Amino acid sequence: MAGHPHTQPHTHEHGTHGAHASEEEFWDSRYRESDRIWSGNPNSVLVREAEGLSPGRALDLGCGEGGDAVWLARQGWRVTGTDISAVALERAAEHAAGAAVADRIVFERHDLGESFPGGEFDLVSACFLHSPGDMPRERILRTAAAAVAPGGVLLVAGHGGAAPGTENPHPDLHFPTPQEVLADLELPDGGWEVLVCAEHERVGAEADRPGHGYDNTLKVRRLA
Protein backbone atom coordinates (compact mmCIF):
# COMPACT_ATOMS: atom_id res chain seq x y z
CA MET A 1 0.00 0.00 0.00
CA ALA A 2 1.32 3.42 -0.88
CA GLY A 3 1.60 5.61 2.15
CA HIS A 4 4.11 7.09 4.55
CA PRO A 5 6.63 4.25 4.82
CA HIS A 6 8.68 5.64 7.67
CA THR A 7 5.67 6.32 9.90
CA GLN A 8 3.62 3.22 9.21
CA PRO A 9 3.95 -0.32 10.56
CA HIS A 10 4.55 -3.25 8.27
CA THR A 11 1.92 -4.13 5.70
CA HIS A 12 2.32 -5.75 2.33
CA GLU A 13 2.19 -3.66 -0.79
CA HIS A 14 -0.57 -3.33 -3.36
CA GLY A 15 0.43 -2.19 -6.80
CA THR A 16 1.21 -3.22 -10.33
CA HIS A 17 3.01 -6.52 -10.51
CA GLY A 18 5.68 -6.54 -13.21
CA ALA A 19 4.62 -8.73 -16.10
CA HIS A 20 7.78 -10.84 -15.88
CA ALA A 21 8.63 -10.47 -12.20
CA SER A 22 8.20 -13.30 -9.75
CA GLU A 23 6.76 -12.55 -6.33
CA GLU A 24 10.27 -12.80 -4.86
CA GLU A 25 11.72 -10.44 -7.47
CA PHE A 26 8.86 -7.99 -6.99
CA TRP A 27 9.33 -7.81 -3.22
CA ASP A 28 13.12 -7.69 -3.32
CA SER A 29 12.86 -4.78 -5.75
CA ARG A 30 10.24 -3.09 -3.59
CA TYR A 31 12.44 -3.25 -0.50
CA ARG A 32 15.49 -2.02 -2.40
CA GLU A 33 13.66 1.19 -3.29
CA SER A 34 14.81 2.70 0.01
CA ASP A 35 16.92 1.86 3.03
CA ARG A 36 13.79 1.20 5.06
CA ILE A 37 10.19 0.84 3.93
CA TRP A 38 8.29 0.48 7.22
CA SER A 39 8.56 2.26 10.54
CA GLY A 40 9.83 -0.67 12.60
CA ASN A 41 6.82 -0.37 14.89
CA PRO A 42 4.41 -3.29 15.35
CA ASN A 43 0.99 -3.31 13.73
CA SER A 44 -1.50 -1.88 16.22
CA VAL A 45 -3.91 -4.78 15.67
CA LEU A 46 -1.22 -7.23 16.76
CA VAL A 47 -0.49 -5.22 19.89
CA ARG A 48 -4.18 -4.97 20.72
CA GLU A 49 -4.97 -8.65 20.18
CA ALA A 50 -1.78 -10.28 21.47
CA GLU A 51 -1.09 -8.26 24.61
CA GLY A 52 -3.27 -10.49 26.78
CA LEU A 53 -1.93 -13.80 25.47
CA SER A 54 0.54 -15.94 27.40
CA PRO A 55 3.84 -15.94 25.47
CA GLY A 56 4.83 -19.16 23.76
CA ARG A 57 5.82 -19.95 20.17
CA ALA A 58 4.73 -17.41 17.54
CA LEU A 59 4.79 -17.45 13.76
CA ASP A 60 4.79 -14.11 11.91
CA LEU A 61 3.76 -14.55 8.28
CA GLY A 62 5.00 -11.84 5.93
CA CYS A 63 7.28 -10.39 8.61
CA GLY A 64 8.86 -7.76 6.36
CA GLU A 65 11.54 -5.77 8.17
CA GLY A 66 10.63 -7.39 11.48
CA GLY A 67 8.55 -4.86 13.42
CA ASP A 68 5.95 -7.38 14.61
CA ALA A 69 8.49 -10.15 15.26
CA VAL A 70 10.67 -7.88 17.39
CA TRP A 71 7.67 -6.67 19.40
CA LEU A 72 6.56 -10.26 20.06
CA ALA A 73 10.07 -11.25 21.14
CA ARG A 74 10.15 -8.31 23.55
CA GLN A 75 6.92 -9.63 25.10
CA GLY A 76 8.60 -12.99 25.75
CA TRP A 77 7.55 -14.96 22.67
CA ARG A 78 9.88 -17.22 20.73
CA VAL A 79 9.26 -16.15 17.16
CA THR A 80 9.63 -17.57 13.68
CA GLY A 81 9.38 -14.78 11.12
CA THR A 82 8.98 -15.55 7.45
CA ASP A 83 8.93 -13.50 4.27
CA ILE A 84 9.42 -14.08 0.57
CA SER A 85 12.02 -11.30 0.33
CA ALA A 86 15.62 -12.02 1.33
CA VAL A 87 16.20 -8.26 1.42
CA ALA A 88 13.45 -7.81 4.00
CA LEU A 89 14.71 -10.73 6.07
CA GLU A 90 18.23 -9.32 6.20
CA ARG A 91 16.83 -6.05 7.54
CA ALA A 92 14.62 -7.92 9.99
CA ALA A 93 17.62 -9.77 11.37
CA GLU A 94 19.47 -6.47 11.79
CA HIS A 95 16.43 -5.00 13.59
CA ALA A 96 16.29 -7.98 15.94
CA ALA A 97 20.00 -7.72 16.68
CA GLY A 98 19.71 -4.01 17.37
CA ALA A 99 16.80 -4.67 19.72
CA ALA A 100 18.80 -7.37 21.54
CA VAL A 101 16.20 -10.07 20.80
CA ALA A 102 18.00 -11.96 18.02
CA ASP A 103 18.27 -15.00 20.28
CA ARG A 104 14.45 -15.19 20.42
CA ILE A 105 13.74 -14.98 16.67
CA VAL A 106 14.45 -17.27 13.74
CA PHE A 107 13.91 -15.78 10.28
CA GLU A 108 13.14 -18.07 7.33
CA ARG A 109 12.55 -17.28 3.66
CA HIS A 110 9.40 -18.90 2.29
CA ASP A 111 7.16 -18.41 -0.69
CA LEU A 112 4.18 -19.38 1.42
CA GLY A 113 2.30 -20.72 -1.56
CA GLU A 114 5.12 -23.25 -2.05
CA SER A 115 6.61 -23.89 1.41
CA PHE A 116 5.70 -23.23 5.03
CA PRO A 117 7.56 -23.24 8.37
CA GLY A 118 7.36 -26.52 10.23
CA GLY A 119 5.97 -27.11 13.70
CA GLU A 120 3.03 -25.89 15.76
CA PHE A 121 2.62 -22.42 17.21
CA ASP A 122 0.67 -20.83 20.05
CA LEU A 123 0.13 -17.74 17.90
CA VAL A 124 0.10 -17.51 14.13
CA SER A 125 -0.14 -13.92 12.93
CA ALA A 126 -0.87 -12.83 9.37
CA CYS A 127 -1.06 -9.03 9.45
CA PHE A 128 -1.83 -7.50 6.05
CA LEU A 129 -0.65 -10.51 4.09
CA HIS A 130 -1.63 -9.02 0.73
CA SER A 131 0.35 -9.02 -2.48
CA PRO A 132 -0.15 -8.21 -6.14
CA GLY A 133 0.04 -11.17 -8.44
CA ASP A 134 -1.24 -14.64 -7.72
CA MET A 135 -0.46 -15.29 -4.07
CA PRO A 136 -2.93 -18.01 -2.93
CA ARG A 137 -3.92 -16.17 0.26
CA GLU A 138 -6.89 -18.37 1.17
CA ARG A 139 -4.84 -21.56 0.89
CA ILE A 140 -1.97 -20.01 2.86
CA LEU A 141 -4.33 -19.01 5.67
CA ARG A 142 -5.76 -22.54 5.81
CA THR A 143 -2.20 -23.85 6.18
CA ALA A 144 -1.65 -21.23 8.88
CA ALA A 145 -4.69 -22.48 10.78
CA ALA A 146 -3.36 -26.04 10.61
CA ALA A 147 -0.13 -24.82 12.24
CA VAL A 148 -1.92 -23.50 15.35
CA ALA A 149 -1.39 -25.66 18.42
CA PRO A 150 -4.40 -26.71 20.55
CA GLY A 151 -5.35 -23.72 22.66
CA GLY A 152 -3.46 -21.38 20.33
CA VAL A 153 -4.65 -18.40 18.31
CA LEU A 154 -4.75 -17.48 14.64
CA LEU A 155 -4.80 -13.73 14.04
CA VAL A 156 -5.56 -12.40 10.56
CA ALA A 157 -5.63 -8.65 9.89
CA GLY A 158 -6.41 -7.29 6.46
CA HIS A 159 -7.39 -4.21 4.54
CA GLY A 160 -11.09 -3.53 4.27
CA GLY A 161 -13.17 -1.22 2.15
CA ALA A 162 -12.57 2.39 1.18
CA ALA A 163 -13.68 5.12 3.53
CA PRO A 164 -17.18 6.46 2.83
CA GLY A 165 -17.14 9.10 0.10
CA THR A 166 -13.64 8.19 -1.13
CA GLU A 167 -12.61 6.47 -4.33
CA ASN A 168 -11.24 2.94 -4.09
CA PRO A 169 -7.67 3.14 -5.46
CA HIS A 170 -7.64 -0.61 -6.19
CA PRO A 171 -11.04 -1.38 -7.78
CA ASP A 172 -9.63 -4.51 -9.41
CA LEU A 173 -8.61 -6.05 -6.06
CA HIS A 174 -11.00 -7.71 -3.64
CA PHE A 175 -10.26 -7.24 0.04
CA PRO A 176 -12.38 -9.82 1.87
CA THR A 177 -14.51 -9.05 4.88
CA PRO A 178 -13.58 -10.80 8.12
CA GLN A 179 -16.66 -12.99 7.65
CA GLU A 180 -15.36 -14.04 4.22
CA VAL A 181 -11.93 -14.79 5.67
CA LEU A 182 -13.56 -16.96 8.34
CA ALA A 183 -15.61 -18.84 5.75
CA ASP A 184 -12.56 -19.37 3.51
CA LEU A 185 -10.64 -20.96 6.41
CA GLU A 186 -13.11 -23.88 6.35
CA LEU A 187 -12.59 -24.52 10.05
CA PRO A 188 -14.22 -27.71 11.38
CA ASP A 189 -17.35 -27.26 13.46
CA GLY A 190 -16.64 -27.41 17.16
CA GLY A 191 -12.90 -27.17 16.70
CA TRP A 192 -12.45 -23.41 16.99
CA GLU A 193 -13.75 -20.45 19.00
CA VAL A 194 -14.25 -17.13 17.22
CA LEU A 195 -12.89 -14.37 19.48
CA VAL A 196 -12.99 -11.40 17.08
CA CYS A 197 -14.56 -11.07 13.64
CA ALA A 198 -14.98 -7.38 12.92
CA GLU A 199 -14.21 -4.44 10.67
CA HIS A 200 -12.79 -1.34 12.30
CA GLU A 201 -11.96 2.18 11.24
CA ARG A 202 -8.30 3.10 11.34
CA VAL A 203 -7.12 5.23 14.22
CA GLY A 204 -3.99 7.20 15.09
CA ALA A 205 -1.10 7.24 12.63
CA GLU A 206 -2.66 4.39 10.63
CA ALA A 207 -5.62 6.64 9.75
CA ASP A 208 -3.23 8.61 7.53
CA ARG A 209 -2.90 5.76 5.05
CA PRO A 210 -4.58 6.83 1.81
CA GLY A 211 -7.33 4.91 0.07
CA HIS A 212 -8.77 2.32 2.38
CA GLY A 213 -10.30 3.72 5.55
CA TYR A 214 -11.10 0.41 7.19
CA ASP A 215 -9.20 -2.68 8.22
CA ASN A 216 -10.58 -5.93 9.57
CA THR A 217 -9.58 -8.47 12.16
CA LEU A 218 -10.26 -12.16 12.57
CA LYS A 219 -9.04 -13.85 15.76
CA VAL A 220 -9.86 -17.50 16.38
CA ARG A 221 -8.72 -19.93 19.04
CA ARG A 222 -8.14 -23.62 18.39
CA LEU A 223 -9.87 -25.64 21.07
CA ALA A 224 -7.80 -28.22 22.93
C-alpha atoms as a PDB file:
ATOM      1  CA  MET A   1       0.000   0.000   0.000  1.00  0.00           C
ATOM      2  CA  ALA A   2       1.316   3.423  -0.879  1.00  0.00           C
ATOM      3  CA  GLY A   3       1.597   5.612   2.150  1.00  0.00           C
ATOM      4  CA  HIS A   4       4.115   7.085   4.552  1.00  0.00           C
ATOM      5  CA  PRO A   5       6.635   4.249   4.819  1.00  0.00           C
ATOM      6  CA  HIS A   6       8.683   5.636   7.672  1.00  0.00           C
ATOM      7  CA  THR A   7       5.671   6.317   9.900  1.00  0.00           C
ATOM      8  CA  GLN A   8       3.617   3.219   9.209  1.00  0.00           C
ATOM      9  CA  PRO A   9       3.951  -0.317  10.556  1.00  0.00           C
ATOM     10  CA  HIS A  10       4.549  -3.248   8.270  1.00  0.00           C
ATOM     11  CA  THR A  11       1.924  -4.129   5.697  1.00  0.00           C
ATOM     12  CA  HIS A  12       2.324  -5.754   2.330  1.00  0.00           C
ATOM     13  CA  GLU A  13       2.187  -3.662  -0.794  1.00  0.00           C
ATOM     14  CA  HIS A  14      -0.567  -3.332  -3.361  1.00  0.00           C
ATOM     15  CA  GLY A  15       0.428  -2.187  -6.797  1.00  0.00           C
ATOM     16  CA  THR A  16       1.205  -3.216 -10.334  1.00  0.00           C
ATOM     17  CA  HIS A  17       3.005  -6.525 -10.508  1.00  0.00           C
ATOM     18  CA  GLY A  18       5.681  -6.536 -13.207  1.00  0.00           C
ATOM     19  CA  ALA A  19       4.623  -8.734 -16.097  1.00  0.00           C
ATOM     20  CA  HIS A  20       7.782 -10.845 -15.885  1.00  0.00           C
ATOM     21  CA  ALA A  21       8.629 -10.465 -12.195  1.00  0.00           C
ATOM     22  CA  SER A  22       8.196 -13.301  -9.749  1.00  0.00           C
ATOM     23  CA  GLU A  23       6.761 -12.549  -6.326  1.00  0.00           C
ATOM     24  CA  GLU A  24      10.268 -12.797  -4.865  1.00  0.00           C
ATOM     25  CA  GLU A  25      11.724 -10.439  -7.473  1.00  0.00           C
ATOM     26  CA  PHE A  26       8.865  -7.993  -6.986  1.00  0.00           C
ATOM     27  CA  TRP A  27       9.332  -7.810  -3.215  1.00  0.00           C
ATOM     28  CA  ASP A  28      13.122  -7.686  -3.317  1.00  0.00           C
ATOM     29  CA  SER A  29      12.864  -4.781  -5.754  1.00  0.00           C
ATOM     30  CA  ARG A  30      10.241  -3.090  -3.591  1.00  0.00           C
ATOM     31  CA  TYR A  31      12.440  -3.248  -0.505  1.00  0.00           C
ATOM     32  CA  ARG A  32      15.489  -2.021  -2.401  1.00  0.00           C
ATOM     33  CA  GLU A  33      13.659   1.193  -3.289  1.00  0.00           C
ATOM     34  CA  SER A  34      14.806   2.703   0.009  1.00  0.00           C
ATOM     35  CA  ASP A  35      16.919   1.861   3.025  1.00  0.00           C
ATOM     36  CA  ARG A  36      13.788   1.198   5.064  1.00  0.00           C
ATOM     37  CA  ILE A  37      10.189   0.837   3.931  1.00  0.00           C
ATOM     38  CA  TRP A  38       8.291   0.476   7.216  1.00  0.00           C
ATOM     39  CA  SER A  39       8.557   2.262  10.540  1.00  0.00           C
ATOM     40  CA  GLY A  40       9.828  -0.669  12.599  1.00  0.00           C
ATOM     41  CA  ASN A  41       6.816  -0.371  14.891  1.00  0.00           C
ATOM     42  CA  PRO A  42       4.409  -3.286  15.347  1.00  0.00           C
ATOM     43  CA  ASN A  43       0.993  -3.308  13.732  1.00  0.00           C
ATOM     44  CA  SER A  44      -1.502  -1.883  16.217  1.00  0.00           C
ATOM     45  CA  VAL A  45      -3.906  -4.780  15.665  1.00  0.00           C
ATOM     46  CA  LEU A  46      -1.222  -7.229  16.757  1.00  0.00           C
ATOM     47  CA  VAL A  47      -0.487  -5.218  19.888  1.00  0.00           C
ATOM     48  CA  ARG A  48      -4.175  -4.972  20.718  1.00  0.00           C
ATOM     49  CA  GLU A  49      -4.973  -8.646  20.175  1.00  0.00           C
ATOM     50  CA  ALA A  50      -1.777 -10.283  21.468  1.00  0.00           C
ATOM     51  CA  GLU A  51      -1.094  -8.263  24.614  1.00  0.00           C
ATOM     52  CA  GLY A  52      -3.271 -10.490  26.781  1.00  0.00           C
ATOM     53  CA  LEU A  53      -1.933 -13.796  25.470  1.00  0.00           C
ATOM     54  CA  SER A  54       0.543 -15.935  27.399  1.00  0.00           C
ATOM     55  CA  PRO A  55       3.842 -15.937  25.466  1.00  0.00           C
ATOM     56  CA  GLY A  56       4.826 -19.164  23.758  1.00  0.00           C
ATOM     57  CA  ARG A  57       5.823 -19.946  20.175  1.00  0.00           C
ATOM     58  CA  ALA A  58       4.730 -17.410  17.545  1.00  0.00           C
ATOM     59  CA  LEU A  59       4.789 -17.449  13.761  1.00  0.00           C
ATOM     60  CA  ASP A  60       4.789 -14.110  11.915  1.00  0.00           C
ATOM     61  CA  LEU A  61       3.757 -14.549   8.277  1.00  0.00           C
ATOM     62  CA  GLY A  62       4.997 -11.836   5.933  1.00  0.00           C
ATOM     63  CA  CYS A  63       7.275 -10.390   8.605  1.00  0.00           C
ATOM     64  CA  GLY A  64       8.858  -7.757   6.357  1.00  0.00           C
ATOM     65  CA  GLU A  65      11.535  -5.774   8.170  1.00  0.00           C
ATOM     66  CA  GLY A  66      10.635  -7.390  11.483  1.00  0.00           C
ATOM     67  CA  GLY A  67       8.547  -4.861  13.417  1.00  0.00           C
ATOM     68  CA  ASP A  68       5.950  -7.383  14.611  1.00  0.00           C
ATOM     69  CA  ALA A  69       8.489 -10.147  15.259  1.00  0.00           C
ATOM     70  CA  VAL A  70      10.671  -7.876  17.387  1.00  0.00           C
ATOM     71  CA  TRP A  71       7.675  -6.671  19.398  1.00  0.00           C
ATOM     72  CA  LEU A  72       6.559 -10.259  20.055  1.00  0.00           C
ATOM     73  CA  ALA A  73      10.072 -11.246  21.145  1.00  0.00           C
ATOM     74  CA  ARG A  74      10.148  -8.312  23.553  1.00  0.00           C
ATOM     75  CA  GLN A  75       6.924  -9.633  25.103  1.00  0.00           C
ATOM     76  CA  GLY A  76       8.601 -12.990  25.752  1.00  0.00           C
ATOM     77  CA  TRP A  77       7.549 -14.955  22.669  1.00  0.00           C
ATOM     78  CA  ARG A  78       9.884 -17.223  20.727  1.00  0.00           C
ATOM     79  CA  VAL A  79       9.259 -16.155  17.159  1.00  0.00           C
ATOM     80  CA  THR A  80       9.631 -17.572  13.679  1.00  0.00           C
ATOM     81  CA  GLY A  81       9.382 -14.780  11.118  1.00  0.00           C
ATOM     82  CA  THR A  82       8.982 -15.554   7.454  1.00  0.00           C
ATOM     83  CA  ASP A  83       8.933 -13.500   4.273  1.00  0.00           C
ATOM     84  CA  ILE A  84       9.422 -14.076   0.569  1.00  0.00           C
ATOM     85  CA  SER A  85      12.022 -11.297   0.333  1.00  0.00           C
ATOM     86  CA  ALA A  86      15.619 -12.021   1.328  1.00  0.00           C
ATOM     87  CA  VAL A  87      16.205  -8.256   1.423  1.00  0.00           C
ATOM     88  CA  ALA A  88      13.447  -7.808   4.004  1.00  0.00           C
ATOM     89  CA  LEU A  89      14.710 -10.735   6.075  1.00  0.00           C
ATOM     90  CA  GLU A  90      18.233  -9.317   6.202  1.00  0.00           C
ATOM     91  CA  ARG A  91      16.829  -6.049   7.544  1.00  0.00           C
ATOM     92  CA  ALA A  92      14.618  -7.921   9.993  1.00  0.00           C
ATOM     93  CA  ALA A  93      17.624  -9.766  11.371  1.00  0.00           C
ATOM     94  CA  GLU A  94      19.466  -6.470  11.793  1.00  0.00           C
ATOM     95  CA  HIS A  95      16.430  -4.998  13.586  1.00  0.00           C
ATOM     96  CA  ALA A  96      16.289  -7.978  15.938  1.00  0.00           C
ATOM     97  CA  ALA A  97      20.004  -7.724  16.680  1.00  0.00           C
ATOM     98  CA  GLY A  98      19.715  -4.006  17.372  1.00  0.00           C
ATOM     99  CA  ALA A  99      16.799  -4.667  19.717  1.00  0.00           C
ATOM    100  CA  ALA A 100      18.805  -7.365  21.538  1.00  0.00           C
ATOM    101  CA  VAL A 101      16.202 -10.068  20.800  1.00  0.00           C
ATOM    102  CA  ALA A 102      18.003 -11.958  18.025  1.00  0.00           C
ATOM    103  CA  ASP A 103      18.268 -15.002  20.278  1.00  0.00           C
ATOM    104  CA  ARG A 104      14.452 -15.192  20.422  1.00  0.00           C
ATOM    105  CA  ILE A 105      13.736 -14.983  16.673  1.00  0.00           C
ATOM    106  CA  VAL A 106      14.453 -17.274  13.737  1.00  0.00           C
ATOM    107  CA  PHE A 107      13.911 -15.784  10.283  1.00  0.00           C
ATOM    108  CA  GLU A 108      13.142 -18.071   7.334  1.00  0.00           C
ATOM    109  CA  ARG A 109      12.549 -17.284   3.659  1.00  0.00           C
ATOM    110  CA  HIS A 110       9.397 -18.895   2.285  1.00  0.00           C
ATOM    111  CA  ASP A 111       7.161 -18.410  -0.694  1.00  0.00           C
ATOM    112  CA  LEU A 112       4.181 -19.380   1.424  1.00  0.00           C
ATOM    113  CA  GLY A 113       2.304 -20.719  -1.558  1.00  0.00           C
ATOM    114  CA  GLU A 114       5.123 -23.248  -2.050  1.00  0.00           C
ATOM    115  CA  SER A 115       6.606 -23.893   1.410  1.00  0.00           C
ATOM    116  CA  PHE A 116       5.705 -23.229   5.031  1.00  0.00           C
ATOM    117  CA  PRO A 117       7.559 -23.242   8.370  1.00  0.00           C
ATOM    118  CA  GLY A 118       7.361 -26.522  10.231  1.00  0.00           C
ATOM    119  CA  GLY A 119       5.973 -27.112  13.702  1.00  0.00           C
ATOM    120  CA  GLU A 120       3.030 -25.893  15.763  1.00  0.00           C
ATOM    121  CA  PHE A 121       2.623 -22.415  17.210  1.00  0.00           C
ATOM    122  CA  ASP A 122       0.672 -20.832  20.045  1.00  0.00           C
ATOM    123  CA  LEU A 123       0.127 -17.736  17.903  1.00  0.00           C
ATOM    124  CA  VAL A 124       0.098 -17.512  14.131  1.00  0.00           C
ATOM    125  CA  SER A 125      -0.137 -13.917  12.935  1.00  0.00           C
ATOM    126  CA  ALA A 126      -0.869 -12.825   9.371  1.00  0.00           C
ATOM    127  CA  CYS A 127      -1.060  -9.031   9.450  1.00  0.00           C
ATOM    128  CA  PHE A 128      -1.827  -7.496   6.050  1.00  0.00           C
ATOM    129  CA  LEU A 129      -0.651 -10.506   4.093  1.00  0.00           C
ATOM    130  CA  HIS A 130      -1.630  -9.022   0.731  1.00  0.00           C
ATOM    131  CA  SER A 131       0.346  -9.019  -2.475  1.00  0.00           C
ATOM    132  CA  PRO A 132      -0.152  -8.208  -6.143  1.00  0.00           C
ATOM    133  CA  GLY A 133       0.037 -11.167  -8.439  1.00  0.00           C
ATOM    134  CA  ASP A 134      -1.239 -14.640  -7.725  1.00  0.00           C
ATOM    135  CA  MET A 135      -0.459 -15.293  -4.070  1.00  0.00           C
ATOM    136  CA  PRO A 136      -2.933 -18.008  -2.928  1.00  0.00           C
ATOM    137  CA  ARG A 137      -3.923 -16.166   0.256  1.00  0.00           C
ATOM    138  CA  GLU A 138      -6.891 -18.371   1.172  1.00  0.00           C
ATOM    139  CA  ARG A 139      -4.840 -21.564   0.895  1.00  0.00           C
ATOM    140  CA  ILE A 140      -1.969 -20.008   2.858  1.00  0.00           C
ATOM    141  CA  LEU A 141      -4.325 -19.013   5.666  1.00  0.00           C
ATOM    142  CA  ARG A 142      -5.764 -22.538   5.811  1.00  0.00           C
ATOM    143  CA  THR A 143      -2.205 -23.851   6.176  1.00  0.00           C
ATOM    144  CA  ALA A 144      -1.653 -21.231   8.875  1.00  0.00           C
ATOM    145  CA  ALA A 145      -4.689 -22.480  10.784  1.00  0.00           C
ATOM    146  CA  ALA A 146      -3.360 -26.037  10.611  1.00  0.00           C
ATOM    147  CA  ALA A 147      -0.128 -24.819  12.238  1.00  0.00           C
ATOM    148  CA  VAL A 148      -1.921 -23.502  15.346  1.00  0.00           C
ATOM    149  CA  ALA A 149      -1.391 -25.663  18.419  1.00  0.00           C
ATOM    150  CA  PRO A 150      -4.396 -26.714  20.546  1.00  0.00           C
ATOM    151  CA  GLY A 151      -5.354 -23.718  22.660  1.00  0.00           C
ATOM    152  CA  GLY A 152      -3.462 -21.382  20.326  1.00  0.00           C
ATOM    153  CA  VAL A 153      -4.653 -18.399  18.315  1.00  0.00           C
ATOM    154  CA  LEU A 154      -4.749 -17.481  14.638  1.00  0.00           C
ATOM    155  CA  LEU A 155      -4.804 -13.726  14.036  1.00  0.00           C
ATOM    156  CA  VAL A 156      -5.557 -12.397  10.561  1.00  0.00           C
ATOM    157  CA  ALA A 157      -5.634  -8.649   9.895  1.00  0.00           C
ATOM    158  CA  GLY A 158      -6.410  -7.292   6.464  1.00  0.00           C
ATOM    159  CA  HIS A 159      -7.387  -4.211   4.544  1.00  0.00           C
ATOM    160  CA  GLY A 160     -11.090  -3.533   4.269  1.00  0.00           C
ATOM    161  CA  GLY A 161     -13.171  -1.218   2.148  1.00  0.00           C
ATOM    162  CA  ALA A 162     -12.571   2.387   1.175  1.00  0.00           C
ATOM    163  CA  ALA A 163     -13.682   5.125   3.532  1.00  0.00           C
ATOM    164  CA  PRO A 164     -17.176   6.462   2.831  1.00  0.00           C
ATOM    165  CA  GLY A 165     -17.136   9.098   0.100  1.00  0.00           C
ATOM    166  CA  THR A 166     -13.642   8.190  -1.132  1.00  0.00           C
ATOM    167  CA  GLU A 167     -12.606   6.467  -4.334  1.00  0.00           C
ATOM    168  CA  ASN A 168     -11.243   2.942  -4.093  1.00  0.00           C
ATOM    169  CA  PRO A 169      -7.668   3.141  -5.455  1.00  0.00           C
ATOM    170  CA  HIS A 170      -7.643  -0.613  -6.185  1.00  0.00           C
ATOM    171  CA  PRO A 171     -11.040  -1.377  -7.778  1.00  0.00           C
ATOM    172  CA  ASP A 172      -9.627  -4.514  -9.413  1.00  0.00           C
ATOM    173  CA  LEU A 173      -8.614  -6.053  -6.065  1.00  0.00           C
ATOM    174  CA  HIS A 174     -11.004  -7.706  -3.644  1.00  0.00           C
ATOM    175  CA  PHE A 175     -10.263  -7.238   0.037  1.00  0.00           C
ATOM    176  CA  PRO A 176     -12.384  -9.818   1.869  1.00  0.00           C
ATOM    177  CA  THR A 177     -14.509  -9.047   4.882  1.00  0.00           C
ATOM    178  CA  PRO A 178     -13.583 -10.803   8.118  1.00  0.00           C
ATOM    179  CA  GLN A 179     -16.657 -12.994   7.653  1.00  0.00           C
ATOM    180  CA  GLU A 180     -15.364 -14.042   4.223  1.00  0.00           C
ATOM    181  CA  VAL A 181     -11.930 -14.793   5.670  1.00  0.00           C
ATOM    182  CA  LEU A 182     -13.565 -16.962   8.337  1.00  0.00           C
ATOM    183  CA  ALA A 183     -15.609 -18.844   5.746  1.00  0.00           C
ATOM    184  CA  ASP A 184     -12.558 -19.368   3.511  1.00  0.00           C
ATOM    185  CA  LEU A 185     -10.644 -20.964   6.406  1.00  0.00           C
ATOM    186  CA  GLU A 186     -13.114 -23.883   6.349  1.00  0.00           C
ATOM    187  CA  LEU A 187     -12.593 -24.524  10.054  1.00  0.00           C
ATOM    188  CA  PRO A 188     -14.218 -27.707  11.377  1.00  0.00           C
ATOM    189  CA  ASP A 189     -17.348 -27.265  13.463  1.00  0.00           C
ATOM    190  CA  GLY A 190     -16.643 -27.412  17.163  1.00  0.00           C
ATOM    191  CA  GLY A 191     -12.901 -27.171  16.703  1.00  0.00           C
ATOM    192  CA  TRP A 192     -12.453 -23.413  16.986  1.00  0.00           C
ATOM    193  CA  GLU A 193     -13.746 -20.454  18.995  1.00  0.00           C
ATOM    194  CA  VAL A 194     -14.255 -17.133  17.219  1.00  0.00           C
ATOM    195  CA  LEU A 195     -12.894 -14.372  19.480  1.00  0.00           C
ATOM    196  CA  VAL A 196     -12.993 -11.395  17.078  1.00  0.00           C
ATOM    197  CA  CYS A 197     -14.559 -11.071  13.637  1.00  0.00           C
ATOM    198  CA  ALA A 198     -14.985  -7.379  12.916  1.00  0.00           C
ATOM    199  CA  GLU A 199     -14.205  -4.445  10.670  1.00  0.00           C
ATOM    200  CA  HIS A 200     -12.790  -1.340  12.301  1.00  0.00           C
ATOM    201  CA  GLU A 201     -11.960   2.183  11.240  1.00  0.00           C
ATOM    202  CA  ARG A 202      -8.297   3.096  11.342  1.00  0.00           C
ATOM    203  CA  VAL A 203      -7.116   5.229  14.218  1.00  0.00           C
ATOM    204  CA  GLY A 204      -3.990   7.198  15.091  1.00  0.00           C
ATOM    205  CA  ALA A 205      -1.101   7.237  12.631  1.00  0.00           C
ATOM    206  CA  GLU A 206      -2.657   4.390  10.626  1.00  0.00           C
ATOM    207  CA  ALA A 207      -5.617   6.635   9.749  1.00  0.00           C
ATOM    208  CA  ASP A 208      -3.225   8.609   7.531  1.00  0.00           C
ATOM    209  CA  ARG A 209      -2.904   5.756   5.050  1.00  0.00           C
ATOM    210  CA  PRO A 210      -4.579   6.827   1.814  1.00  0.00           C
ATOM    211  CA  GLY A 211      -7.327   4.909   0.067  1.00  0.00           C
ATOM    212  CA  HIS A 212      -8.765   2.325   2.382  1.00  0.00           C
ATOM    213  CA  GLY A 213     -10.302   3.723   5.550  1.00  0.00           C
ATOM    214  CA  TYR A 214     -11.104   0.412   7.188  1.00  0.00           C
ATOM    215  CA  ASP A 215      -9.203  -2.679   8.224  1.00  0.00           C
ATOM    216  CA  ASN A 216     -10.577  -5.930   9.568  1.00  0.00           C
ATOM    217  CA  THR A 217      -9.583  -8.469  12.164  1.00  0.00           C
ATOM    218  CA  LEU A 218     -10.256 -12.164  12.571  1.00  0.00           C
ATOM    219  CA  LYS A 219      -9.035 -13.848  15.764  1.00  0.00           C
ATOM    220  CA  VAL A 220      -9.863 -17.496  16.381  1.00  0.00           C
ATOM    221  CA  ARG A 221      -8.715 -19.930  19.039  1.00  0.00           C
ATOM    222  CA  ARG A 222      -8.141 -23.618  18.387  1.00  0.00           C
ATOM    223  CA  LEU A 223      -9.868 -25.642  21.070  1.00  0.00           C
ATOM    224  CA  ALA A 224      -7.795 -28.216  22.931  1.00  0.00           C
END
